[in-house]
Amino acid sequence: MAAVSPGLSIIAGMTMRARRKIAAHFFVHHAISAEDAVAYVPQNPVAQRQFERMQRKA
């Protein structure tokens, strides 16, 4: 098994943290369908990219 570089581990961690925080925002507001939509403003570039990616997959 190849070793994972520390940089990749950090990026993966930041990505997963951003995705969890985005999902938590919508769950807290009970916004789980288009009818329940609420505003979301990403707080950093990682969150912005992940939010855009999540929107494309929806």
Protein backbone atom coordinates (compact mmCIF):
# COMPACT_ATOMS: atom_id res chain seq x y z
CA MET A 1 0.00 0.00 0.00
CA ALA A 2 1.35 3.42 -0.94
CA ALA A 3 1.73 6.09 1.71
CA VAL A 4 -0.59 9.09 1.47
CA SER A 5 1.18 12.42 1.57
CA PRO A 6 0.37 14.73 4.47
CA GLY A 7 -0.83 17.39 2.02
CA LEU A 8 -3.43 15.09 0.52
CA SER A 9 -4.64 14.07 3.96
CA ILE A 10 -5.07 17.72 4.93
CA ILE A 11 -7.00 18.51 1.74
CA ALA A 12 -9.23 15.47 2.20
CA GLY A 13 -9.93 16.50 5.79
CA MET A 14 -10.78 20.07 4.79
CA THR A 15 -13.09 18.80 2.06
CA MET A 16 -14.95 16.42 4.35
CA ARG A 17 -15.26 19.06 7.08
CA ALA A 18 -16.72 21.55 4.60
CA ARG A 19 -19.24 18.98 3.33
CA ARG A 20 -20.32 18.10 6.88
CA LYS A 21 -20.76 21.78 7.80
CA ILE A 22 -22.81 22.46 4.66
CA ALA A 23 -25.07 19.47 5.28
CA ALA A 24 -25.45 20.45 8.95
CA HIS A 25 -26.55 23.95 7.96
CA PHE A 26 -29.44 22.58 5.93
CA PHE A 27 -30.40 19.91 8.45
CA VAL A 28 -30.51 22.44 11.30
CA HIS A 29 -32.96 24.52 9.26
CA HIS A 30 -34.93 21.42 8.24
CA ALA A 31 -34.23 22.31 4.61
CA ILE A 32 -34.12 18.86 3.09
CA SER A 33 -36.12 19.55 -0.07
CA ALA A 34 -36.46 22.36 -2.60
CA GLU A 35 -39.68 23.49 -0.93
CA ASP A 36 -37.78 24.04 2.33
CA ALA A 37 -34.87 25.95 0.77
CA VAL A 38 -32.84 28.36 2.90
CA ALA A 39 -29.96 30.64 2.01
CA TYR A 40 -26.38 29.46 2.39
CA VAL A 41 -23.25 31.59 2.02
CA PRO A 42 -19.97 29.63 1.93
CA GLN A 43 -17.40 31.00 4.36
CA ASN A 44 -14.26 30.02 2.47
CA PRO A 45 -13.09 28.79 -0.95
CA VAL A 46 -13.15 25.11 0.08
CA ALA A 47 -16.77 25.40 1.21
CA GLN A 48 -17.62 27.30 -1.98
CA ARG A 49 -16.21 24.52 -4.19
CA GLN A 50 -17.89 21.79 -2.19
CA PHE A 51 -21.24 23.59 -2.17
CA GLU A 52 -21.08 24.02 -5.96
CA ARG A 53 -20.17 20.36 -6.34
CA MET A 54 -23.05 19.31 -4.10
CA GLN A 55 -25.45 21.46 -6.13
CA ARG A 56 -24.35 19.83 -9.39
CA LYS A 57 -24.99 16.37 -7.95
CA ALA A 58 -28.49 17.24 -6.73
